[in-house]
C-alpha atoms as a PDB file:
ATOM      1  CA  MET A   1     -47.025  22.963  13.615  1.00  0.00           C
ATOM      2  CA  LYS A   2     -45.476  23.915  16.972  1.00  0.00           C
ATOM      3  CA  ARG A   3     -47.239  20.966  18.639  1.00  0.00           C
ATOM      4  CA  ILE A   4     -45.931  18.600  15.942  1.00  0.00           C
ATOM      5  CA  ILE A   5     -42.359  19.852  16.416  1.00  0.00           C
ATOM      6  CA  LEU A   6     -42.567  19.430  20.212  1.00  0.00           C
ATOM      7  CA  THR A   7     -43.972  15.906  19.739  1.00  0.00           C
ATOM      8  CA  LEU A   8     -41.093  15.014  17.416  1.00  0.00           C
ATOM      9  CA  LEU A   9     -38.580  16.406  19.886  1.00  0.00           C
ATOM     10  CA  ALA A  10     -40.148  14.312  22.664  1.00  0.00           C
ATOM     11  CA  LEU A  11     -39.969  11.178  20.497  1.00  0.00           C
ATOM     12  CA  ILE A  12     -36.333  11.880  19.663  1.00  0.00           C
ATOM     13  CA  SER A  13     -35.605  12.310  23.395  1.00  0.00           C
ATOM     14  CA  ILE A  14     -37.315   8.980  24.218  1.00  0.00           C
ATOM     15  CA  SER A  15     -35.360   7.226  21.462  1.00  0.00           C
ATOM     16  CA  SER A  16     -32.129   8.691  22.821  1.00  0.00           C
ATOM     17  CA  ILE A  17     -32.927   7.441  26.326  1.00  0.00           C
ATOM     18  CA  LEU A  18     -33.725   3.948  25.033  1.00  0.00           C
ATOM     19  CA  ALA A  19     -30.465   3.891  23.095  1.00  0.00           C
ATOM     20  CA  GLN A  20     -28.522   4.821  26.242  1.00  0.00           C
ATOM     21  CA  THR A  21     -30.107   2.012  28.284  1.00  0.00           C
ATOM     22  CA  GLU A  22     -29.555  -0.758  25.742  1.00  0.00           C
ATOM     23  CA  GLY A  23     -27.009  -3.293  26.900  1.00  0.00           C
ATOM     24  CA  ARG A  24     -27.117  -2.299  30.557  1.00  0.00           C
ATOM     25  CA  LYS A  25     -27.400  -5.112  33.054  1.00  0.00           C
ATOM     26  CA  PRO A  26     -30.486  -5.210  35.285  1.00  0.00           C
ATOM     27  CA  ILE A  27     -30.013  -3.953  38.845  1.00  0.00           C
ATOM     28  CA  SER A  28     -30.681  -6.629  41.455  1.00  0.00           C
ATOM     29  CA  LEU A  29     -32.280  -5.211  44.600  1.00  0.00           C
ATOM     30  CA  GLN A  30     -32.374  -6.961  47.942  1.00  0.00           C
ATOM     31  CA  GLU A  31     -34.792  -4.446  49.426  1.00  0.00           C
ATOM     32  CA  GLN A  32     -36.464  -1.110  48.758  1.00  0.00           C
ATOM     33  CA  GLY A  33     -39.018   1.031  50.496  1.00  0.00           C
ATOM     34  CA  VAL A  34     -39.893   4.355  52.066  1.00  0.00           C
ATOM     35  CA  PHE A  35     -40.313   5.514  55.655  1.00  0.00           C
ATOM     36  CA  ALA A  36     -40.632   8.605  57.808  1.00  0.00           C
ATOM     37  CA  VAL A  37     -38.007   9.388  60.416  1.00  0.00           C
ATOM     38  CA  GLY A  38     -37.724  11.923  63.211  1.00  0.00           C
ATOM     39  CA  GLY A  39     -40.383  14.501  63.923  1.00  0.00           C
ATOM     40  CA  VAL A  40     -42.662  15.255  66.837  1.00  0.00           C
ATOM     41  CA  ILE A  41     -46.303  14.716  67.791  1.00  0.00           C
ATOM     42  CA  ILE A  42     -48.589  17.598  68.688  1.00  0.00           C
ATOM     43  CA  LYS A  43     -51.738  16.882  70.662  1.00  0.00           C
ATOM     44  CA  ALA A  44     -54.620  19.294  71.047  1.00  0.00           C
ATOM     45  CA  GLU A  45     -55.981  19.883  74.518  1.00  0.00           C
ATOM     46  CA  GLY A  46     -59.178  18.210  75.539  1.00  0.00           C
ATOM     47  CA  GLU A  47     -60.684  14.794  74.919  1.00  0.00           C
ATOM     48  CA  TYR A  48     -61.478  13.350  71.517  1.00  0.00           C
ATOM     49  CA  ASN A  49     -65.126  12.530  70.929  1.00  0.00           C
ATOM     50  CA  PRO A  50     -65.508  10.136  67.957  1.00  0.00           C
ATOM     51  CA  ASN A  51     -69.209  11.012  67.767  1.00  0.00           C
ATOM     52  CA  ASN A  52     -68.421  14.718  67.394  1.00  0.00           C
ATOM     53  CA  PRO A  53     -64.922  14.851  65.859  1.00  0.00           C
ATOM     54  CA  GLN A  54     -63.351  18.223  66.553  1.00  0.00           C
ATOM     55  CA  LYS A  55     -59.654  19.016  67.016  1.00  0.00           C
ATOM     56  CA  GLU A  56     -59.801  18.467  70.786  1.00  0.00           C
ATOM     57  CA  GLY A  57     -57.749  15.465  71.837  1.00  0.00           C
ATOM     58  CA  GLN A  58     -56.446  14.742  68.330  1.00  0.00           C
ATOM     59  CA  THR A  59     -52.823  14.380  67.283  1.00  0.00           C
ATOM     60  CA  LEU A  60     -50.707  15.825  64.474  1.00  0.00           C
ATOM     61  CA  HIS A  61     -47.445  14.128  63.400  1.00  0.00           C
ATOM     62  CA  VAL A  62     -45.062  16.760  62.021  1.00  0.00           C
ATOM     63  CA  ASP A  63     -41.451  17.680  61.226  1.00  0.00           C
ATOM     64  CA  HIS A  64     -40.347  14.267  59.992  1.00  0.00           C
ATOM     65  CA  ALA A  65     -38.174  13.550  56.980  1.00  0.00           C
ATOM     66  CA  THR A  66     -39.380  11.043  54.408  1.00  0.00           C
ATOM     67  CA  VAL A  67     -36.741   8.669  53.052  1.00  0.00           C
ATOM     68  CA  GLN A  68     -36.810   6.472  49.954  1.00  0.00           C
ATOM     69  CA  TYR A  69     -34.224   3.682  49.981  1.00  0.00           C
ATOM     70  CA  GLN A  70     -32.898   0.919  47.747  1.00  0.00           C
ATOM     71  CA  ILE A  71     -30.435  -1.753  48.837  1.00  0.00           C
ATOM     72  CA  PRO A  72     -28.763  -3.727  46.047  1.00  0.00           C
ATOM     73  CA  SER A  73     -27.731  -7.353  46.333  1.00  0.00           C
ATOM     74  CA  ASN A  74     -24.254  -7.665  47.878  1.00  0.00           C
ATOM     75  CA  ALA A  75     -24.323  -3.998  48.884  1.00  0.00           C
ATOM     76  CA  LYS A  76     -21.172  -2.231  50.008  1.00  0.00           C
ATOM     77  CA  LYS A  77     -20.802  -1.678  53.718  1.00  0.00           C
ATOM     78  CA  LEU A  78     -21.533   2.045  53.899  1.00  0.00           C
ATOM     79  CA  PRO A  79     -24.770   3.393  52.381  1.00  0.00           C
ATOM     80  CA  LEU A  80     -24.994   6.771  50.658  1.00  0.00           C
ATOM     81  CA  VAL A  81     -27.512   9.255  52.066  1.00  0.00           C
ATOM     82  CA  PHE A  82     -28.477  12.002  49.602  1.00  0.00           C
ATOM     83  CA  TRP A  83     -29.887  15.322  50.846  1.00  0.00           C
ATOM     84  CA  HIS A  84     -31.336  17.880  48.420  1.00  0.00           C
ATOM     85  CA  GLY A  85     -30.940  21.653  48.323  1.00  0.00           C
ATOM     86  CA  PHE A  86     -33.260  24.655  48.510  1.00  0.00           C
ATOM     87  CA  GLY A  87     -36.487  24.331  46.539  1.00  0.00           C
ATOM     88  CA  GLN A  88     -35.689  20.704  45.761  1.00  0.00           C
ATOM     89  CA  THR A  89     -36.606  17.221  46.954  1.00  0.00           C
ATOM     90  CA  ALA A  90     -35.224  13.707  46.469  1.00  0.00           C
ATOM     91  CA  ARG A  91     -35.982  14.361  42.797  1.00  0.00           C
ATOM     92  CA  THR A  92     -32.559  16.053  42.567  1.00  0.00           C
ATOM     93  CA  TRP A  93     -30.840  12.662  42.679  1.00  0.00           C
ATOM     94  CA  GLN A  94     -33.220  10.673  40.496  1.00  0.00           C
ATOM     95  CA  THR A  95     -33.655  10.659  36.701  1.00  0.00           C
ATOM     96  CA  THR A  96     -32.136  13.803  35.183  1.00  0.00           C
ATOM     97  CA  ALA A  97     -34.345  16.426  33.568  1.00  0.00           C
ATOM     98  CA  ASP A  98     -33.200  15.216  30.141  1.00  0.00           C
ATOM     99  CA  GLY A  99     -34.017  11.584  30.959  1.00  0.00           C
ATOM    100  CA  ARG A 100     -30.662  10.017  31.874  1.00  0.00           C
ATOM    101  CA  GLU A 101     -29.759   8.064  34.991  1.00  0.00           C
ATOM    102  CA  GLY A 102     -29.171  10.195  38.053  1.00  0.00           C
ATOM    103  CA  PHE A 103     -26.935   9.538  41.040  1.00  0.00           C
ATOM    104  CA  GLN A 104     -29.547   7.250  42.615  1.00  0.00           C
ATOM    105  CA  THR A 105     -29.203   4.706  39.811  1.00  0.00           C
ATOM    106  CA  ILE A 106     -25.554   5.385  38.998  1.00  0.00           C
ATOM    107  CA  PHE A 107     -24.469   4.527  42.530  1.00  0.00           C
ATOM    108  CA  LEU A 108     -26.828   1.572  42.791  1.00  0.00           C
ATOM    109  CA  ARG A 109     -24.966   0.199  39.782  1.00  0.00           C
ATOM    110  CA  LYS A 110     -21.723   0.749  41.708  1.00  0.00           C
ATOM    111  CA  GLY A 111     -23.058  -1.422  44.544  1.00  0.00           C
ATOM    112  CA  PHE A 112     -24.073   1.211  47.096  1.00  0.00           C
ATOM    113  CA  SER A 113     -27.292   1.305  49.072  1.00  0.00           C
ATOM    114  CA  VAL A 114     -28.918   4.687  48.482  1.00  0.00           C
ATOM    115  CA  TYR A 115     -31.194   6.703  50.732  1.00  0.00           C
ATOM    116  CA  LEU A 116     -32.926   9.798  49.321  1.00  0.00           C
ATOM    117  CA  ILE A 117     -34.236  12.413  51.740  1.00  0.00           C
ATOM    118  CA  ASP A 118     -37.193  14.772  51.536  1.00  0.00           C
ATOM    119  CA  GLN A 119     -36.368  17.051  54.447  1.00  0.00           C
ATOM    120  CA  PRO A 120     -39.053  18.165  56.932  1.00  0.00           C
ATOM    121  CA  ARG A 121     -41.658  20.568  55.532  1.00  0.00           C
ATOM    122  CA  ARG A 122     -40.692  19.759  51.943  1.00  0.00           C
ATOM    123  CA  GLY A 123     -42.115  17.284  49.443  1.00  0.00           C
ATOM    124  CA  GLN A 124     -43.167  14.008  51.040  1.00  0.00           C
ATOM    125  CA  GLY A 125     -41.991  15.313  54.413  1.00  0.00           C
ATOM    126  CA  GLY A 126     -44.433  18.186  54.102  1.00  0.00           C
ATOM    127  CA  ARG A 127     -46.296  18.309  57.416  1.00  0.00           C
ATOM    128  CA  GLY A 128     -45.363  21.213  59.684  1.00  0.00           C
ATOM    129  CA  PRO A 129     -46.724  22.438  63.019  1.00  0.00           C
ATOM    130  CA  GLU A 130     -47.990  25.808  61.788  1.00  0.00           C
ATOM    131  CA  GLU A 131     -50.284  27.069  59.080  1.00  0.00           C
ATOM    132  CA  SER A 132     -48.460  28.399  56.029  1.00  0.00           C
ATOM    133  CA  SER A 133     -49.244  29.806  52.617  1.00  0.00           C
ATOM    134  CA  ILE A 134     -47.511  28.928  49.357  1.00  0.00           C
ATOM    135  CA  PRO A 135     -46.968  31.903  47.035  1.00  0.00           C
ATOM    136  CA  ALA A 136     -47.554  31.344  43.328  1.00  0.00           C
ATOM    137  CA  THR A 137     -45.025  33.896  42.101  1.00  0.00           C
ATOM    138  CA  PRO A 138     -43.469  33.415  38.641  1.00  0.00           C
ATOM    139  CA  ASN A 139     -39.729  33.208  39.380  1.00  0.00           C
ATOM    140  CA  GLU A 140     -38.285  30.335  37.344  1.00  0.00           C
ATOM    141  CA  GLN A 141     -35.937  32.420  35.209  1.00  0.00           C
ATOM    142  CA  TYR A 142     -34.474  33.901  38.399  1.00  0.00           C
ATOM    143  CA  TRP A 143     -33.581  30.399  39.577  1.00  0.00           C
ATOM    144  CA  LEU A 144     -32.179  29.473  36.183  1.00  0.00           C
ATOM    145  CA  GLY A 145     -29.750  32.345  36.713  1.00  0.00           C
ATOM    146  CA  MET A 146     -29.005  31.488  40.339  1.00  0.00           C
ATOM    147  CA  PHE A 147     -28.257  27.912  39.316  1.00  0.00           C
ATOM    148  CA  ARG A 148     -25.795  29.200  36.668  1.00  0.00           C
ATOM    149  CA  ILE A 149     -27.630  27.543  33.788  1.00  0.00           C
ATOM    150  CA  ALA A 150     -28.558  30.690  31.899  1.00  0.00           C
ATOM    151  CA  LYS A 151     -28.617  34.468  32.111  1.00  0.00           C
ATOM    152  CA  GLY A 152     -32.011  35.519  30.885  1.00  0.00           C
ATOM    153  CA  ASP A 153     -32.561  33.783  27.545  1.00  0.00           C
ATOM    154  CA  GLU A 154     -28.856  33.083  27.040  1.00  0.00           C
ATOM    155  CA  PHE A 155     -27.481  29.739  28.199  1.00  0.00           C
ATOM    156  CA  MET A 156     -24.027  29.767  29.741  1.00  0.00           C
ATOM    157  CA  PRO A 157     -21.318  29.089  27.135  1.00  0.00           C
ATOM    158  CA  ASN A 158     -20.679  25.350  26.652  1.00  0.00           C
ATOM    159  CA  VAL A 159     -22.951  24.596  29.600  1.00  0.00           C
ATOM    160  CA  GLN A 160     -23.385  20.949  30.604  1.00  0.00           C
ATOM    161  CA  PHE A 161     -27.170  21.236  30.399  1.00  0.00           C
ATOM    162  CA  ASP A 162     -29.418  19.957  27.636  1.00  0.00           C
ATOM    163  CA  LYS A 163     -31.116  22.948  25.967  1.00  0.00           C
ATOM    164  CA  SER A 164     -34.260  21.245  24.663  1.00  0.00           C
ATOM    165  CA  PRO A 165     -37.637  22.742  25.699  1.00  0.00           C
ATOM    166  CA  GLU A 166     -38.727  19.485  27.320  1.00  0.00           C
ATOM    167  CA  THR A 167     -35.599  19.372  29.498  1.00  0.00           C
ATOM    168  CA  LEU A 168     -36.345  22.876  30.785  1.00  0.00           C
ATOM    169  CA  ASN A 169     -39.960  21.857  31.338  1.00  0.00           C
ATOM    170  CA  GLN A 170     -38.890  18.866  33.419  1.00  0.00           C
ATOM    171  CA  PHE A 171     -36.291  20.903  35.320  1.00  0.00           C
ATOM    172  CA  TYR A 172     -38.768  23.626  36.276  1.00  0.00           C
ATOM    173  CA  ARG A 173     -41.302  21.042  37.421  1.00  0.00           C
ATOM    174  CA  GLN A 174     -38.916  19.501  39.963  1.00  0.00           C
ATOM    175  CA  ILE A 175     -38.771  22.760  41.927  1.00  0.00           C
ATOM    176  CA  SER A 176     -40.810  22.317  45.131  1.00  0.00           C
ATOM    177  CA  PRO A 177     -42.142  24.858  47.642  1.00  0.00           C
ATOM    178  CA  ASP A 178     -41.547  24.920  51.363  1.00  0.00           C
ATOM    179  CA  LEU A 179     -44.641  23.766  53.215  1.00  0.00           C
ATOM    180  CA  GLY A 180     -43.557  25.576  56.355  1.00  0.00           C
ATOM    181  CA  ALA A 181     -40.703  27.701  57.659  1.00  0.00           C
ATOM    182  CA  ILE A 182     -37.221  26.275  57.088  1.00  0.00           C
ATOM    183  CA  ASP A 183     -35.797  25.249  60.461  1.00  0.00           C
ATOM    184  CA  PHE A 184     -32.212  23.954  60.552  1.00  0.00           C
ATOM    185  CA  GLU A 185     -32.685  22.385  63.981  1.00  0.00           C
ATOM    186  CA  VAL A 186     -35.752  20.470  62.833  1.00  0.00           C
ATOM    187  CA  ASN A 187     -33.988  19.342  59.644  1.00  0.00           C
ATOM    188  CA  THR A 188     -30.755  18.249  61.280  1.00  0.00           C
ATOM    189  CA  ASN A 189     -32.623  16.413  64.044  1.00  0.00           C
ATOM    190  CA  ALA A 190     -34.552  14.420  61.438  1.00  0.00           C
ATOM    191  CA  VAL A 191     -31.454  13.533  59.398  1.00  0.00           C
ATOM    192  CA  SER A 192     -29.571  12.637  62.575  1.00  0.00           C
ATOM    193  CA  ALA A 193     -32.463  10.329  63.457  1.00  0.00           C
ATOM    194  CA  LEU A 194     -32.033   8.699  60.045  1.00  0.00           C
ATOM    195  CA  PHE A 195     -28.395   7.883  60.837  1.00  0.00           C
ATOM    196  CA  ASP A 196     -29.472   6.573  64.232  1.00  0.00           C
ATOM    197  CA  LYS A 197     -31.786   4.199  62.360  1.00  0.00           C
ATOM    198  CA  ILE A 198     -29.444   2.991  59.590  1.00  0.00           C
ATOM    199  CA  GLY A 199     -26.107   3.257  61.415  1.00  0.00           C
ATOM    200  CA  ASP A 200     -22.859   4.270  59.747  1.00  0.00           C
ATOM    201  CA  GLY A 201     -23.094   5.929  56.354  1.00  0.00           C
ATOM    202  CA  ILE A 202     -21.837   8.646  54.023  1.00  0.00           C
ATOM    203  CA  LEU A 203     -23.765  11.913  53.714  1.00  0.00           C
ATOM    204  CA  ILE A 204     -23.998  13.641  50.331  1.00  0.00           C
ATOM    205  CA  THR A 205     -25.388  17.183  50.427  1.00  0.00           C
ATOM    206  CA  HIS A 206     -26.261  19.796  47.838  1.00  0.00           C
ATOM    207  CA  SER A 207     -26.404  23.571  48.135  1.00  0.00           C
ATOM    208  CA  HIS A 208     -28.685  24.558  51.032  1.00  0.00           C
ATOM    209  CA  SER A 209     -28.184  21.239  52.823  1.00  0.00           C
ATOM    210  CA  GLY A 210     -24.401  21.757  52.837  1.00  0.00           C
ATOM    211  CA  GLY A 211     -24.289  23.749  56.062  1.00  0.00           C
ATOM    212  CA  GLN A 212     -26.927  21.524  57.592  1.00  0.00           C
ATOM    213  CA  GLY A 213     -24.691  18.575  56.757  1.00  0.00           C
ATOM    214  CA  TRP A 214     -21.839  19.914  58.892  1.00  0.00           C
ATOM    215  CA  ALA A 215     -24.286  20.509  61.758  1.00  0.00           C
ATOM    216  CA  THR A 216     -25.710  16.985  61.463  1.00  0.00           C
ATOM    217  CA  ALA A 217     -22.234  15.437  61.489  1.00  0.00           C
ATOM    218  CA  ILE A 218     -21.493  17.356  64.675  1.00  0.00           C
ATOM    219  CA  LYS A 219     -24.616  15.792  66.193  1.00  0.00           C
ATOM    220  CA  ASN A 220     -24.136  12.246  64.927  1.00  0.00           C
ATOM    221  CA  SER A 221     -20.922  10.218  64.787  1.00  0.00           C
ATOM    222  CA  ASN A 222     -22.537   7.656  62.458  1.00  0.00           C
ATOM    223  CA  ILE A 223     -21.736  10.023  59.588  1.00  0.00           C
ATOM    224  CA  LYS A 224     -18.380   8.687  58.404  1.00  0.00           C
ATOM    225  CA  ALA A 225     -17.735  11.102  55.518  1.00  0.00           C
ATOM    226  CA  ILE A 226     -19.355  14.049  53.751  1.00  0.00           C
ATOM    227  CA  VAL A 227     -19.472  14.809  50.039  1.00  0.00           C
ATOM    228  CA  SER A 228     -20.913  18.278  49.483  1.00  0.00           C
ATOM    229  CA  TYR A 229     -21.912  19.665  46.093  1.00  0.00           C
ATOM    230  CA  GLU A 230     -21.844  23.467  46.009  1.00  0.00           C
ATOM    231  CA  PRO A 231     -22.669  24.209  49.664  1.00  0.00           C
ATOM    232  CA  GLY A 232     -24.236  27.642  49.821  1.00  0.00           C
ATOM    233  CA  SER A 233     -24.353  28.614  53.490  1.00  0.00           C
ATOM    234  CA  GLY A 234     -23.854  27.474  57.044  1.00  0.00           C
ATOM    235  CA  PHE A 235     -20.053  27.219  56.961  1.00  0.00           C
ATOM    236  CA  VAL A 236     -18.982  26.631  60.562  1.00  0.00           C
ATOM    237  CA  PHE A 237     -15.816  27.854  62.280  1.00  0.00           C
ATOM    238  CA  PRO A 238     -14.537  27.715  65.857  1.00  0.00           C
ATOM    239  CA  GLU A 239     -15.623  30.609  68.035  1.00  0.00           C
ATOM    240  CA  GLY A 240     -13.078  33.393  67.754  1.00  0.00           C
ATOM    241  CA  GLU A 241     -11.938  32.220  64.293  1.00  0.00           C
ATOM    242  CA  VAL A 242     -14.961  33.215  62.212  1.00  0.00           C
ATOM    243  CA  PRO A 243     -14.096  34.988  58.930  1.00  0.00           C
ATOM    244  CA  ASP A 244     -15.553  38.390  58.141  1.00  0.00           C
ATOM    245  CA  PRO A 245     -18.797  38.472  56.142  1.00  0.00           C
ATOM    246  CA  MET A 246     -18.342  38.358  52.375  1.00  0.00           C
ATOM    247  CA  GLU A 247     -20.276  40.572  49.965  1.00  0.00           C
ATOM    248  CA  SER A 248     -21.593  39.720  46.513  1.00  0.00           C
ATOM    249  CA  SER A 249     -24.058  41.125  44.018  1.00  0.00           C
ATOM    250  CA  ALA A 250     -26.605  38.724  45.515  1.00  0.00           C
ATOM    251  CA  GLY A 251     -26.112  39.735  49.154  1.00  0.00           C
ATOM    252  CA  THR A 252     -23.951  38.986  52.186  1.00  0.00           C
ATOM    253  CA  LEU A 253     -22.580  35.596  53.225  1.00  0.00           C
ATOM    254  CA  GLU A 254     -21.839  35.071  56.917  1.00  0.00           C
ATOM    255  CA  ALA A 255     -20.111  32.128  58.580  1.00  0.00           C
ATOM    256  CA  VAL A 256     -21.462  30.395  61.693  1.00  0.00           C
ATOM    257  CA  PRO A 257     -19.554  30.136  64.992  1.00  0.00           C
ATOM    258  CA  VAL A 258     -19.576  26.838  66.900  1.00  0.00           C
ATOM    259  CA  SER A 259     -17.656  25.652  69.925  1.00  0.00           C
ATOM    260  CA  LYS A 260     -14.153  24.407  69.217  1.00  0.00           C
ATOM    261  CA  LEU A 261     -15.155  21.046  70.677  1.00  0.00           C
ATOM    262  CA  ASP A 262     -17.952  20.716  68.121  1.00  0.00           C
ATOM    263  CA  PHE A 263     -15.773  21.963  65.265  1.00  0.00           C
ATOM    264  CA  LEU A 264     -13.124  19.357  66.035  1.00  0.00           C
ATOM    265  CA  LYS A 265     -15.692  16.624  65.392  1.00  0.00           C
ATOM    266  CA  LEU A 266     -15.502  17.568  61.700  1.00  0.00           C
ATOM    267  CA  THR A 267     -11.773  16.852  61.717  1.00  0.00           C
ATOM    268  CA  LYS A 268     -12.492  13.169  62.413  1.00  0.00           C
ATOM    269  CA  ILE A 269     -14.114  12.421  59.040  1.00  0.00           C
ATOM    270  CA  PRO A 270     -13.022  13.010  55.433  1.00  0.00           C
ATOM    271  CA  ILE A 271     -14.860  15.843  53.689  1.00  0.00           C
ATOM    272  CA  ILE A 272     -14.815  16.845  50.032  1.00  0.00           C
ATOM    273  CA  ILE A 273     -16.561  19.830  48.428  1.00  0.00           C
ATOM    274  CA  TYR A 274     -17.206  20.251  44.708  1.00  0.00           C
ATOM    275  CA  TYR A 275     -18.050  23.443  42.809  1.00  0.00           C
ATOM    276  CA  GLY A 276     -18.903  23.754  39.128  1.00  0.00           C
ATOM    277  CA  ASP A 277     -18.160  26.355  36.473  1.00  0.00           C
ATOM    278  CA  PHE A 278     -19.101  29.993  35.810  1.00  0.00           C
ATOM    279  CA  ILE A 279     -17.934  31.321  39.191  1.00  0.00           C
ATOM    280  CA  PRO A 280     -16.011  34.594  38.769  1.00  0.00           C
ATOM    281  CA  GLU A 281     -12.774  35.374  40.578  1.00  0.00           C
ATOM    282  CA  THR A 282     -13.685  39.051  41.042  1.00  0.00           C
ATOM    283  CA  GLN A 283     -17.016  40.730  41.709  1.00  0.00           C
ATOM    284  CA  GLU A 284     -19.390  41.128  38.798  1.00  0.00           C
ATOM    285  CA  SER A 285     -22.885  42.520  38.457  1.00  0.00           C
ATOM    286  CA  PHE A 286     -24.823  39.353  37.558  1.00  0.00           C
ATOM    287  CA  TYR A 287     -26.285  37.923  40.763  1.00  0.00           C
ATOM    288  CA  GLY A 288     -26.435  34.360  39.455  1.00  0.00           C
ATOM    289  CA  THR A 289     -22.694  33.904  39.049  1.00  0.00           C
ATOM    290  CA  ASP A 290     -21.400  36.387  41.620  1.00  0.00           C
ATOM    291  CA  ASN A 291     -23.509  34.776  44.338  1.00  0.00           C
ATOM    292  CA  TRP A 292     -21.189  31.758  44.237  1.00  0.00           C
ATOM    293  CA  ARG A 293     -17.878  33.641  44.326  1.00  0.00           C
ATOM    294  CA  PRO A 294     -17.902  34.252  48.122  1.00  0.00           C
ATOM    295  CA  ARG A 295     -19.322  30.786  48.754  1.00  0.00           C
ATOM    296  CA  LEU A 296     -16.404  29.150  46.985  1.00  0.00           C
ATOM    297  CA  ALA A 297     -14.036  31.461  48.872  1.00  0.00           C
ATOM    298  CA  MET A 298     -15.702  30.658  52.214  1.00  0.00           C
ATOM    299  CA  ALA A 299     -15.533  26.922  51.455  1.00  0.00           C
ATOM    300  CA  LYS A 300     -11.777  27.232  50.981  1.00  0.00           C
ATOM    301  CA  LEU A 301     -11.442  28.982  54.366  1.00  0.00           C
ATOM    302  CA  PHE A 302     -13.636  26.295  55.962  1.00  0.00           C
ATOM    303  CA  VAL A 303     -11.420  23.528  54.568  1.00  0.00           C
ATOM    304  CA  LYS A 304      -8.284  25.395  55.656  1.00  0.00           C
ATOM    305  CA  ALA A 305      -9.631  25.629  59.209  1.00  0.00           C
ATOM    306  CA  ILE A 306     -10.468  21.907  59.319  1.00  0.00           C
ATOM    307  CA  ASN A 307      -7.047  20.908  58.032  1.00  0.00           C
ATOM    308  CA  LYS A 308      -5.369  23.306  60.461  1.00  0.00           C
ATOM    309  CA  TYR A 309      -6.671  21.099  63.276  1.00  0.00           C
ATOM    310  CA  GLY A 310      -5.567  17.849  61.668  1.00  0.00           C
ATOM    311  CA  GLY A 311      -8.655  17.136  59.562  1.00  0.00           C
ATOM    312  CA  ASP A 312      -8.989  15.789  56.042  1.00  0.00           C
ATOM    313  CA  ALA A 313     -10.950  18.228  53.882  1.00  0.00           C
ATOM    314  CA  LYS A 314     -10.647  19.395  50.292  1.00  0.00           C
ATOM    315  CA  VAL A 315     -12.317  21.766  47.828  1.00  0.00           C
ATOM    316  CA  VAL A 316     -12.397  20.731  44.177  1.00  0.00           C
ATOM    317  CA  HIS A 317     -13.247  23.507  41.707  1.00  0.00           C
ATOM    318  CA  LEU A 318     -14.109  21.434  38.648  1.00  0.00           C
ATOM    319  CA  PRO A 319     -12.832  23.778  35.888  1.00  0.00           C
ATOM    320  CA  LYS A 320      -9.469  23.918  37.670  1.00  0.00           C
ATOM    321  CA  ILE A 321      -9.078  20.176  37.045  1.00  0.00           C
ATOM    322  CA  GLY A 322     -10.246  20.393  33.444  1.00  0.00           C
ATOM    323  CA  ILE A 323     -13.949  19.572  33.925  1.00  0.00           C
ATOM    324  CA  GLU A 324     -15.814  22.518  32.432  1.00  0.00           C
ATOM    325  CA  GLY A 325     -19.366  23.697  31.895  1.00  0.00           C
ATOM    326  CA  ASN A 326     -20.971  22.409  35.097  1.00  0.00           C
ATOM    327  CA  THR A 327     -23.903  24.222  36.657  1.00  0.00           C
ATOM    328  CA  HIS A 328     -25.085  24.308  40.252  1.00  0.00           C
ATOM    329  CA  PHE A 329     -26.356  20.754  39.636  1.00  0.00           C
ATOM    330  CA  PRO A 330     -23.274  18.661  38.755  1.00  0.00           C
ATOM    331  CA  MET A 331     -25.138  15.498  39.782  1.00  0.00           C
ATOM    332  CA  SER A 332     -27.582  15.919  36.896  1.00  0.00           C
ATOM    333  CA  ASP A 333     -25.495  17.763  34.287  1.00  0.00           C
ATOM    334  CA  LEU A 334     -24.743  16.108  30.958  1.00  0.00           C
ATOM    335  CA  ASN A 335     -21.440  14.825  32.362  1.00  0.00           C
ATOM    336  CA  ASN A 336     -22.923  13.486  35.601  1.00  0.00           C
ATOM    337  CA  ALA A 337     -21.384  10.043  35.011  1.00  0.00           C
ATOM    338  CA  GLU A 338     -17.936  11.687  35.029  1.00  0.00           C
ATOM    339  CA  ILE A 339     -18.850  13.631  38.186  1.00  0.00           C
ATOM    340  CA  ALA A 340     -20.048  10.389  39.833  1.00  0.00           C
ATOM    341  CA  ASN A 341     -16.813   8.613  38.912  1.00  0.00           C
ATOM    342  CA  LEU A 342     -14.869  11.477  40.469  1.00  0.00           C
ATOM    343  CA  MET A 343     -16.771  11.055  43.730  1.00  0.00           C
ATOM    344  CA  ASN A 344     -16.448   7.270  43.564  1.00  0.00           C
ATOM    345  CA  GLY A 345     -12.697   7.600  43.125  1.00  0.00           C
ATOM    346  CA  TRP A 346     -12.491   9.806  46.213  1.00  0.00           C
ATOM    347  CA  LEU A 347     -14.507   7.284  48.240  1.00  0.00           C
ATOM    348  CA  ASN A 348     -12.114   4.584  47.084  1.00  0.00           C
ATOM    349  CA  ASP A 349      -9.069   6.668  47.993  1.00  0.00           C
ATOM    350  CA  LYS A 350     -10.464   7.152  51.502  1.00  0.00           C
ATOM    351  CA  GLY A 351     -11.224   3.460  51.970  1.00  0.00           C
ATOM    352  CA  LEU A 352     -14.968   4.105  51.957  1.00  0.00           C
ATOM    353  CA  ASN A 353     -15.797   2.290  48.726  1.00  0.00           C
END
């Protein structure tokens, strides 16, 4: 009986998806593909003997990002480059866990070229220079809490997340392990190399890539704007102006000092930061929600510092503008079309659309 019910639910979900896609115009693509960018080559000492193939003299290509891209016909001038967060891959931006169009397709329909990154040592960019092991520890409910979708078995009230078993199944299966140690320098070098290859563009980050996004923009002037969804760490400040560490039930958040010369580079481009719902104003015991309280507070200080030096930065806390129920994944929540329109409106306001 349980199998029959799950099959019926799956059929209902498929029917719902088909109903949503009826009447949509086909997307015309000029070009699409995938490539690796950045990285280094390691070569073992010695001479390679093809008749006795050992490691001597052989090469290993590592620490590259892998990028999927689609360019629509009559594409807008600036492409969108999407960078995933911790435990995620390009999958973050593709079809949502409940089967709707993700930002990849939504913004293709709006005429943008889209580039989706798998950062080095993750997903399709998975080759690293050192041996590593992947733990098989059950931890999915922990992440459901950290992503502010649920607390234990209880979904957040009025959450913008489909509660069907198959949606949770799909969501859990998009989580991806690190295939080597996370290295910000390696990651930002690879993404900077991407902008060297494609030229000017707009960087969209999520969570763990938020701080890496600032660092990449400092390295590469081809980044003409940053849209950051729920950046979690790596907030940079000029040396001597770094805020004190902030405590939460999930641990301590520390800002990152950079030279004033580097910090001022971030004042030359427009930056917008979005945070979703279920972030408390005062400390509470649940790690999943309280973890984001100091991060939102630090983002506001980061924006204040940028604007102090003549920059153009803004934090948008979605429930404060009447958009409620969003999780740590606004780009794939049930109202992701509304979230995309909000971003598109900002791009238009800044002359980037």
